[in-house]
Amino acid sequence: MDPAVLTLIVLGIMALLFVTEIIPLAITSIGGAMALGLLGIIPMKQVFSGLSDSTVVLFAGMFIIGAALFHTGLAQKIGITVVKKAGNSENGLMIALMLVTAFMSSVLSNTGTAAALLPVVIGICASAKIPASRQLMPMAFAAGIGGIITLVGTPPNIIINGALGQAKLPQFGFFEFAWIGIPLTIAFMLYMVTIGKHFLPSHDGNAKAEVAQEVDANDISNDPKKMWYSGIILIGVVLFMALSTTLKKIGIDVPLHLAAIIGAVLAVLTGCLKEKQAYQSIDWVTIFLFAGMMPVASAMNDSGAGQMIAHAVVDIMGDNPSPYFATAILFLLSCVLTQFMSNTASCALLAPIGISIAQAMGASPHAVLMAIGVAASCAFATPVGTPPNTIVLTPGNYKFMDYVKAGTPLIVVCFIVSLVIIPMVWPFNMP
């Protein structure tokens, strides 16, 4: 059988397993790579090559640095300080909460940020006599959308950058994502305080057990010295990443993954978290999911499966396909997938296809990939779309339809903003 067809069959099975989660996501990803190796579509030595990819190292380092802020109590302190200054008004509290959550999520784990702020929000809502359900969902959404602002804010950003590197195309800069991330965050906040708040339920949740569980899970030290250390480490790593291109010009070459690992090592050496806590802080599902999809992406490219899909889509769109139309379709596809499956998986699945479609149209793939990555982070319409949504489900006493009501209009807002901003910043015309 043709290698491209075999690859598409494997990819279809993987997509089904990703959506249904009959087996764990990481096993599906690694299993897909193994299947492609056994079928001879990729060399066996390439099956586990994703585990040695520099992006995987970057993931691990940033997970540990983020955990240091939570274990020292700095993340919680930032949240308490900012949110308390907002006063007791519902809108004021919501704005402050969304700001601090989006800011923290731009450089920290979205899941960790939501987990750290959960008990803070519930406590403040209790003292302000505001139902926690009015604030927890905006916080969860802010954790998702704030991650778009920087390269390390959310896994889809790193994945689309990795896909560009794999295709030997220029990659996005560390803060380049902010061109779309900041407008989306502003649009999201305006939506929540005007329209979105009317879709939020007003009822109390099952908060006490959840708060105790989150505090115990974070094992907070509250040592001021360690808080300073963790903050300085994070700032230092982010600065190195942001200035990596400039530093390279003066002979200082510090790759992103190396900066992340140096920061992670310093976090352990300074006592911000213990070695065991550092290992536990790494999201191994994300690591193996990404590592497994790297050889799958290579198979898509080498076997011609990506080009086959691309040409099929282009043929459906007609002789002169519009890059705007193709970008819109891929945004919607990525967005639908991410409501029911991991944003990492949906983005990794579509990134190589997006590159192939863009190249088949003679357009620059950067706008297309950015749309796929942004859409993968717009998991607002279901409680399972992203971990922050799941974290607030029980304490907010939310129902499935609560997410649909508040999240679906937000997706429409993000879709419109993205289709306006993305082509302006990353034109379709090939340089």
Protein backbone atom coordinates (compact mmCIF):
# COMPACT_ATOMS: atom_id res chain seq x y z
CA MET A 1 0.00 0.00 0.00
CA ASP A 2 1.13 3.54 -0.74
CA PRO A 3 3.08 5.03 2.24
CA ALA A 4 0.97 8.21 2.11
CA VAL A 5 -2.26 6.20 2.41
CA LEU A 6 -0.83 4.10 5.26
CA THR A 7 0.21 7.28 7.06
CA LEU A 8 -3.28 8.74 6.66
CA ILE A 9 -4.83 5.54 8.05
CA VAL A 10 -2.55 5.70 11.10
CA LEU A 11 -3.32 9.40 11.48
CA GLY A 12 -7.08 8.76 11.26
CA ILE A 13 -6.89 6.09 13.97
CA MET A 14 -4.82 8.43 16.14
CA ALA A 15 -7.35 11.25 15.65
CA LEU A 16 -10.20 8.93 16.72
CA LEU A 17 -8.27 7.81 19.81
CA PHE A 18 -7.36 11.42 20.65
CA VAL A 19 -11.01 12.47 20.56
CA THR A 20 -12.42 9.48 22.44
CA GLU A 21 -9.44 9.01 24.81
CA ILE A 22 -10.13 5.28 24.91
CA ILE A 23 -6.44 4.96 25.71
CA PRO A 24 -4.22 7.69 27.25
CA LEU A 25 -3.19 10.52 24.93
CA ALA A 26 0.54 9.95 25.38
CA ILE A 27 0.21 6.25 24.49
CA THR A 28 -1.76 7.16 21.35
CA SER A 29 0.98 9.57 20.30
CA ILE A 30 3.91 7.23 20.95
CA GLY A 31 1.90 4.29 19.59
CA GLY A 32 1.31 6.15 16.33
CA ALA A 33 5.04 6.78 15.93
CA MET A 34 5.78 3.11 16.67
CA ALA A 35 3.18 1.98 14.13
CA LEU A 36 4.73 4.19 11.45
CA GLY A 37 8.14 2.71 12.28
CA LEU A 38 6.89 -0.89 12.14
CA LEU A 39 5.17 -0.18 8.81
CA GLY A 40 8.48 1.10 7.44
CA ILE A 41 7.19 4.60 6.75
CA ILE A 42 9.86 6.14 8.98
CA PRO A 43 13.21 4.60 10.06
CA MET A 44 13.01 2.79 13.42
CA LYS A 45 15.72 5.08 14.83
CA GLN A 46 13.36 8.01 14.22
CA VAL A 47 10.45 6.56 16.24
CA PHE A 48 11.67 7.97 19.56
CA SER A 49 13.70 10.84 18.15
CA GLY A 50 11.15 13.34 19.49
CA LEU A 51 12.31 12.62 23.05
CA SER A 52 15.69 14.15 22.25
CA ASP A 53 14.21 17.20 20.53
CA SER A 54 15.23 20.54 22.06
CA THR A 55 11.55 21.52 22.35
CA VAL A 56 10.94 18.65 24.79
CA VAL A 57 13.82 19.95 26.91
CA LEU A 58 12.29 23.43 26.77
CA PHE A 59 8.95 22.03 27.97
CA ALA A 60 10.57 20.25 30.92
CA GLY A 61 12.61 23.27 32.03
CA MET A 62 9.64 25.65 31.98
CA PHE A 63 7.45 23.18 33.88
CA ILE A 64 10.04 23.14 36.69
CA ILE A 65 10.53 26.93 36.75
CA GLY A 66 6.77 27.42 36.90
CA ALA A 67 6.46 24.89 39.72
CA ALA A 68 9.13 26.80 41.70
CA LEU A 69 6.87 29.88 41.77
CA PHE A 70 3.98 27.81 43.08
CA HIS A 71 5.98 25.88 45.67
CA THR A 72 7.58 29.05 47.09
CA GLY A 73 4.18 30.76 47.29
CA LEU A 74 5.16 33.64 44.98
CA ALA A 75 2.42 32.86 42.45
CA GLN A 76 -0.22 32.84 45.18
CA LYS A 77 1.13 36.06 46.69
CA ILE A 78 0.99 37.85 43.33
CA GLY A 79 -2.60 36.70 42.87
CA ILE A 80 -3.71 37.77 46.35
CA THR A 81 -2.02 41.19 46.13
CA VAL A 82 -3.44 42.12 42.74
CA VAL A 83 -6.93 40.73 43.22
CA LYS A 84 -7.39 42.25 46.68
CA LYS A 85 -6.67 45.73 45.30
CA ALA A 86 -9.69 45.36 43.02
CA GLY A 87 -12.15 45.80 45.87
CA ASN A 88 -15.48 44.03 46.21
CA SER A 89 -17.22 44.98 42.95
CA GLU A 90 -17.91 42.08 40.61
CA ASN A 91 -16.54 43.81 37.50
CA GLY A 92 -13.48 45.20 39.30
CA LEU A 93 -12.65 41.81 40.76
CA MET A 94 -13.19 40.11 37.40
CA ILE A 95 -10.90 42.54 35.56
CA ALA A 96 -8.12 42.24 38.15
CA LEU A 97 -8.45 38.47 38.23
CA MET A 98 -8.32 38.14 34.44
CA LEU A 99 -5.31 40.47 34.24
CA VAL A 100 -3.22 38.65 36.82
CA THR A 101 -4.21 35.23 35.46
CA ALA A 102 -3.41 36.16 31.85
CA PHE A 103 -0.07 37.69 32.89
CA MET A 104 0.97 34.66 34.93
CA SER A 105 -0.19 32.23 32.23
CA SER A 106 1.92 34.00 29.61
CA VAL A 107 5.09 32.61 31.18
CA LEU A 108 3.84 29.87 33.52
CA SER A 109 1.78 26.69 33.22
CA ASN A 110 -1.89 27.46 32.56
CA THR A 111 -2.87 24.54 34.78
CA GLY A 112 -0.53 25.62 37.59
CA THR A 113 -1.77 29.21 37.43
CA ALA A 114 -5.41 28.16 37.68
CA ALA A 115 -4.63 25.73 40.51
CA ALA A 116 -2.67 28.36 42.45
CA LEU A 117 -5.35 31.04 42.13
CA LEU A 118 -8.33 28.78 42.79
CA PRO A 119 -8.26 28.99 46.61
CA VAL A 120 -7.41 32.70 46.41
CA VAL A 121 -10.45 33.45 44.25
CA ILE A 122 -12.83 31.38 46.35
CA GLY A 123 -11.65 33.07 49.55
CA ILE A 124 -11.99 36.58 48.11
CA CYS A 125 -15.42 35.79 46.63
CA ALA A 126 -16.58 34.57 50.04
CA SER A 127 -15.46 37.77 51.78
CA ALA A 128 -16.95 39.95 49.00
CA LYS A 129 -20.19 37.92 49.07
CA ILE A 130 -19.93 37.21 45.32
CA PRO A 131 -20.74 33.67 44.07
CA ALA A 132 -17.51 31.93 43.10
CA SER A 133 -19.17 30.73 39.89
CA ARG A 134 -19.15 34.35 38.67
CA GLN A 135 -15.34 34.52 38.81
CA LEU A 136 -13.89 31.03 38.39
CA MET A 137 -14.84 30.57 34.74
CA PRO A 138 -13.39 33.95 33.65
CA MET A 139 -10.20 32.97 35.52
CA ALA A 140 -10.03 29.62 33.68
CA PHE A 141 -10.60 31.29 30.31
CA ALA A 142 -7.93 33.92 31.10
CA ALA A 143 -5.45 31.13 31.90
CA GLY A 144 -6.04 29.70 28.43
CA ILE A 145 -5.95 32.94 26.45
CA GLY A 146 -3.03 34.50 28.35
CA GLY A 147 -0.80 31.63 27.31
CA ILE A 148 -0.95 32.82 23.69
CA ILE A 149 1.14 35.92 24.51
CA THR A 150 4.60 34.28 24.56
CA LEU A 151 6.35 31.29 23.03
CA VAL A 152 6.35 29.33 26.30
CA GLY A 153 2.87 30.37 27.46
CA THR A 154 1.09 27.33 26.05
CA PRO A 155 2.17 24.08 24.31
CA PRO A 156 0.51 24.91 20.93
CA ASN A 157 2.82 27.93 20.53
CA ILE A 158 5.90 25.75 20.95
CA ILE A 159 4.44 23.10 18.65
CA ILE A 160 3.81 25.46 15.73
CA ASN A 161 7.30 26.88 16.20
CA GLY A 162 8.70 23.36 16.18
CA ALA A 163 6.73 22.58 13.01
CA LEU A 164 8.29 25.61 11.30
CA GLY A 165 11.75 24.46 12.36
CA GLN A 166 11.02 20.95 11.14
CA ALA A 167 10.07 22.39 7.74
CA LYS A 168 13.26 24.53 7.76
CA LEU A 169 11.23 27.76 7.80
CA PRO A 170 11.92 30.91 9.90
CA GLN A 171 10.49 30.50 13.39
CA PHE A 172 8.46 32.92 15.50
CA GLY A 173 10.27 35.07 18.08
CA PHE A 174 9.65 34.72 21.81
CA PHE A 175 7.35 37.75 22.10
CA GLU A 176 6.12 37.67 18.49
CA PHE A 177 3.01 35.84 19.68
CA ALA A 178 2.06 38.97 21.64
CA TRP A 179 0.97 40.64 18.38
CA ILE A 180 -2.11 38.42 18.45
CA GLY A 181 -2.06 37.35 22.13
CA ILE A 182 -2.48 40.85 23.57
CA PRO A 183 -5.36 41.91 21.24
CA LEU A 184 -7.11 38.61 22.01
CA THR A 185 -6.67 39.13 25.75
CA ILE A 186 -8.09 42.66 25.53
CA ALA A 187 -11.03 41.47 23.40
CA PHE A 188 -11.65 38.62 25.83
CA MET A 189 -11.73 40.95 28.83
CA LEU A 190 -14.10 43.37 27.11
CA TYR A 191 -16.36 40.46 26.18
CA MET A 192 -16.42 39.05 29.72
CA VAL A 193 -17.28 42.33 31.49
CA THR A 194 -19.99 43.28 28.96
CA ILE A 195 -21.61 40.23 27.34
CA GLY A 196 -19.95 37.18 28.85
CA LYS A 197 -20.90 37.94 32.46
CA HIS A 198 -24.59 37.54 31.54
CA PHE A 199 -23.92 33.90 30.63
CA LEU A 200 -22.25 33.10 33.96
CA PRO A 201 -24.37 31.18 36.50
CA SER A 202 -24.88 32.53 40.02
CA HIS A 203 -24.61 29.66 42.47
CA ASP A 204 -22.20 28.52 45.14
CA GLY A 205 -19.92 25.58 44.57
CA ASN A 206 -18.31 22.75 46.50
CA ALA A 207 -15.34 24.88 47.41
CA LYS A 208 -13.91 23.82 50.77
CA ALA A 209 -12.62 20.38 49.82
CA GLU A 210 -11.19 21.68 46.55
CA VAL A 211 -9.33 24.52 48.29
CA ALA A 212 -7.76 22.17 50.82
CA GLN A 213 -6.80 19.75 48.06
CA GLU A 214 -5.13 22.45 45.94
CA VAL A 215 -3.21 23.94 48.89
CA ASP A 216 -1.93 20.52 49.94
CA ALA A 217 -1.01 19.65 46.37
CA ASN A 218 1.09 22.78 45.98
CA ASP A 219 3.02 22.19 49.25
CA ILE A 220 3.72 25.90 49.63
CA SER A 221 6.80 27.02 51.61
CA ASN A 222 6.06 30.78 51.88
CA ASP A 223 9.75 31.52 52.41
CA PRO A 224 10.36 35.17 51.34
CA LYS A 225 13.96 34.46 50.31
CA LYS A 226 12.90 31.55 48.09
CA MET A 227 10.11 33.67 46.61
CA TRP A 228 12.74 36.21 45.52
CA TYR A 229 14.94 33.46 44.09
CA SER A 230 12.10 31.94 42.03
CA GLY A 231 11.03 35.37 40.74
CA ILE A 232 14.57 36.34 39.73
CA ILE A 233 15.10 32.98 38.00
CA LEU A 234 11.90 33.35 35.98
CA ILE A 235 12.70 36.94 34.97
CA GLY A 236 16.25 35.97 34.01
CA VAL A 237 15.12 33.05 31.85
CA VAL A 238 12.40 35.09 30.12
CA LEU A 239 14.87 37.91 29.41
CA PHE A 240 17.41 35.49 27.93
CA MET A 241 14.70 33.98 25.73
CA ALA A 242 13.35 37.37 24.65
CA LEU A 243 16.81 38.72 23.84
CA SER A 244 18.27 35.53 22.35
CA THR A 245 18.50 36.98 18.83
CA THR A 246 20.19 40.17 20.05
CA LEU A 247 22.59 38.24 22.29
CA LYS A 248 23.55 35.98 19.39
CA LYS A 249 24.73 39.03 17.43
CA ILE A 250 27.27 39.85 20.17
CA GLY A 251 28.52 36.28 20.42
CA ILE A 252 26.35 35.01 23.32
CA ASP A 253 24.45 31.99 22.02
CA VAL A 254 22.03 30.71 24.66
CA PRO A 255 19.35 28.51 23.00
CA LEU A 256 15.86 28.65 24.53
CA HIS A 257 16.00 25.10 25.86
CA LEU A 258 19.38 25.71 27.50
CA ALA A 259 18.10 28.87 29.22
CA ALA A 260 15.10 26.90 30.53
CA ILE A 261 17.25 24.06 31.90
CA ILE A 262 19.71 26.48 33.54
CA GLY A 263 16.72 28.13 35.25
CA ALA A 264 15.32 24.75 36.33
CA VAL A 265 18.69 23.68 37.80
CA LEU A 266 19.00 27.00 39.67
CA ALA A 267 15.48 26.56 41.06
CA VAL A 268 16.51 23.25 42.64
CA LEU A 269 19.96 24.44 43.79
CA THR A 270 18.46 27.50 45.52
CA GLY A 271 15.90 25.35 47.33
CA CYS A 272 12.85 26.82 45.59
CA LEU A 273 11.68 23.24 45.19
CA LYS A 274 13.11 19.83 45.93
CA GLU A 275 14.49 17.51 43.31
CA LYS A 276 11.53 15.16 43.70
CA GLN A 277 9.11 18.07 43.31
CA ALA A 278 10.94 19.14 40.15
CA TYR A 279 10.44 15.69 38.61
CA GLN A 280 6.79 15.64 39.68
CA SER A 281 6.16 19.09 38.18
CA ILE A 282 6.92 17.93 34.63
CA ASP A 283 3.75 17.17 32.69
CA TRP A 284 4.88 13.89 31.17
CA VAL A 285 1.68 13.55 29.14
CA THR A 286 2.58 16.73 27.26
CA ILE A 287 6.20 15.60 26.88
CA PHE A 288 5.35 12.19 25.40
CA LEU A 289 2.44 13.55 23.39
CA PHE A 290 4.73 16.09 21.73
CA ALA A 291 7.63 13.64 21.35
CA GLY A 292 5.36 11.10 19.65
CA MET A 293 3.89 13.63 17.23
CA MET A 294 7.29 14.82 16.00
CA PRO A 295 8.04 11.63 14.00
CA VAL A 296 4.37 11.52 12.91
CA ALA A 297 4.82 15.03 11.47
CA SER A 298 7.97 13.83 9.69
CA ALA A 299 6.04 10.87 8.26
CA MET A 300 3.31 13.22 7.03
CA ASN A 301 5.94 15.21 5.19
CA ASP A 302 8.20 12.40 3.92
CA SER A 303 5.42 10.04 2.78
CA GLY A 304 3.53 12.74 0.93
CA ALA A 305 0.43 12.37 3.15
CA GLY A 306 0.51 16.04 4.11
CA GLN A 307 0.70 17.09 0.50
CA MET A 308 -2.14 14.70 -0.36
CA ILE A 309 -4.41 16.31 2.24
CA ALA A 310 -3.29 19.76 1.20
CA HIS A 311 -4.05 19.20 -2.47
CA ALA A 312 -7.42 17.63 -1.62
CA VAL A 313 -8.39 20.68 0.46
CA VAL A 314 -7.11 23.08 -2.21
CA ASP A 315 -9.06 21.19 -4.90
CA ILE A 316 -12.24 21.45 -2.84
CA MET A 317 -11.70 25.20 -2.46
CA GLY A 318 -11.39 25.67 -6.23
CA ASP A 319 -8.74 26.72 -8.73
CA ASN A 320 -7.83 29.98 -6.97
CA PRO A 321 -8.20 29.23 -3.27
CA SER A 322 -8.20 32.18 -0.93
CA PRO A 323 -5.59 31.99 1.84
CA TYR A 324 -8.11 33.78 4.07
CA PHE A 325 -10.68 31.06 3.47
CA ALA A 326 -8.15 28.26 4.07
CA THR A 327 -6.97 29.94 7.27
CA ALA A 328 -10.54 30.34 8.47
CA ILE A 329 -11.30 26.66 7.78
CA LEU A 330 -8.17 25.47 9.61
CA PHE A 331 -8.92 27.81 12.54
CA LEU A 332 -12.42 26.35 12.87
CA LEU A 333 -11.14 22.77 12.51
CA SER A 334 -8.47 23.30 15.16
CA CYS A 335 -11.00 25.01 17.41
CA VAL A 336 -13.56 22.20 17.13
CA LEU A 337 -10.93 19.52 17.81
CA THR A 338 -9.53 21.32 20.85
CA GLN A 339 -12.93 21.38 22.59
CA PHE A 340 -12.81 17.61 22.97
CA MET A 341 -9.15 16.66 22.80
CA SER A 342 -5.83 17.97 24.09
CA ASN A 343 -4.85 21.34 22.58
CA THR A 344 -1.37 19.90 22.23
CA ALA A 345 -2.69 16.96 20.23
CA SER A 346 -4.99 18.98 17.98
CA CYS A 347 -2.24 21.48 17.20
CA ALA A 348 0.37 18.79 16.56
CA LEU A 349 -2.09 17.01 14.28
CA LEU A 350 -2.89 20.07 12.16
CA ALA A 351 0.45 21.95 12.08
CA PRO A 352 2.12 19.87 9.33
CA ILE A 353 -1.13 19.87 7.34
CA GLY A 354 -1.32 23.65 7.64
CA ILE A 355 2.22 24.05 6.28
CA SER A 356 1.45 21.76 3.35
CA ILE A 357 -1.78 23.59 2.47
CA ALA A 358 -0.09 27.01 2.67
CA GLN A 359 2.77 25.87 0.44
CA ALA A 360 0.36 24.30 -2.05
CA MET A 361 -1.36 27.70 -2.36
CA GLY A 362 1.97 29.50 -2.68
CA ALA A 363 1.30 31.37 0.57
CA SER A 364 3.49 31.93 3.60
CA PRO A 365 2.61 29.30 6.23
CA HIS A 366 3.18 31.61 9.20
CA ALA A 367 -0.32 33.09 9.22
CA VAL A 368 -1.90 29.67 8.76
CA LEU A 369 0.13 28.12 11.58
CA MET A 370 -0.54 31.03 13.91
CA ALA A 371 -4.29 30.60 13.30
CA ILE A 372 -4.04 26.88 14.09
CA GLY A 373 -2.08 27.57 17.28
CA VAL A 374 -4.43 30.31 18.49
CA ALA A 375 -7.50 28.19 17.75
CA ALA A 376 -6.00 25.27 19.70
CA SER A 377 -5.91 27.57 22.75
CA CYS A 378 -9.57 28.61 22.33
CA ALA A 379 -10.89 25.62 24.29
CA PHE A 380 -13.69 27.51 26.01
CA ALA A 381 -16.88 25.65 25.11
CA THR A 382 -16.43 22.45 27.16
CA PRO A 383 -15.14 21.57 30.64
CA VAL A 384 -12.69 19.04 29.15
CA GLY A 385 -11.15 21.32 26.53
CA THR A 386 -8.29 22.43 28.78
CA PRO A 387 -7.16 21.62 32.37
CA PRO A 388 -8.07 25.08 33.80
CA ASN A 389 -11.67 24.51 32.66
CA THR A 390 -11.70 21.15 34.42
CA ILE A 391 -10.10 22.53 37.60
CA VAL A 392 -12.96 25.02 38.19
CA LEU A 393 -15.76 22.60 37.22
CA THR A 394 -16.50 21.24 40.69
CA PRO A 395 -15.73 24.30 42.88
CA GLY A 396 -17.81 26.46 40.53
CA ASN A 397 -20.58 23.84 40.49
CA TYR A 398 -20.75 24.32 36.72
CA LYS A 399 -22.68 22.23 34.24
CA PHE A 400 -21.54 21.35 30.70
CA MET A 401 -23.92 23.89 29.17
CA ASP A 402 -22.47 26.70 31.33
CA TYR A 403 -19.25 26.38 29.32
CA VAL A 404 -21.15 26.22 26.03
CA LYS A 405 -23.14 29.39 26.82
CA ALA A 406 -20.20 31.50 27.99
CA GLY A 407 -17.48 29.96 25.82
CA THR A 408 -19.06 29.74 22.37
CA PRO A 409 -19.54 33.52 21.88
CA LEU A 410 -15.96 34.00 23.11
CA ILE A 411 -14.73 31.63 20.40
CA VAL A 412 -16.57 33.74 17.82
CA VAL A 413 -14.84 36.87 19.20
CA CYS A 414 -11.42 35.16 18.97
CA PHE A 415 -12.18 33.95 15.43
CA ILE A 416 -13.02 37.47 14.22
CA VAL A 417 -10.06 39.13 15.96
CA SER A 418 -7.66 36.46 14.66
CA LEU A 419 -8.79 36.72 11.04
CA VAL A 420 -8.33 40.50 11.19
CA ILE A 421 -5.00 40.66 13.07
CA ILE A 422 -3.09 37.59 11.90
CA PRO A 423 -2.90 38.39 8.15
CA MET A 424 -1.92 41.98 9.00
CA VAL A 425 1.06 40.89 11.11
CA TRP A 426 2.03 37.81 9.04
CA PRO A 427 1.04 38.53 5.40
CA PHE A 428 0.16 35.62 3.15
CA ASN A 429 2.50 36.82 0.42
CA MET A 430 5.73 34.83 0.38
CA PRO A 431 8.79 37.05 1.14
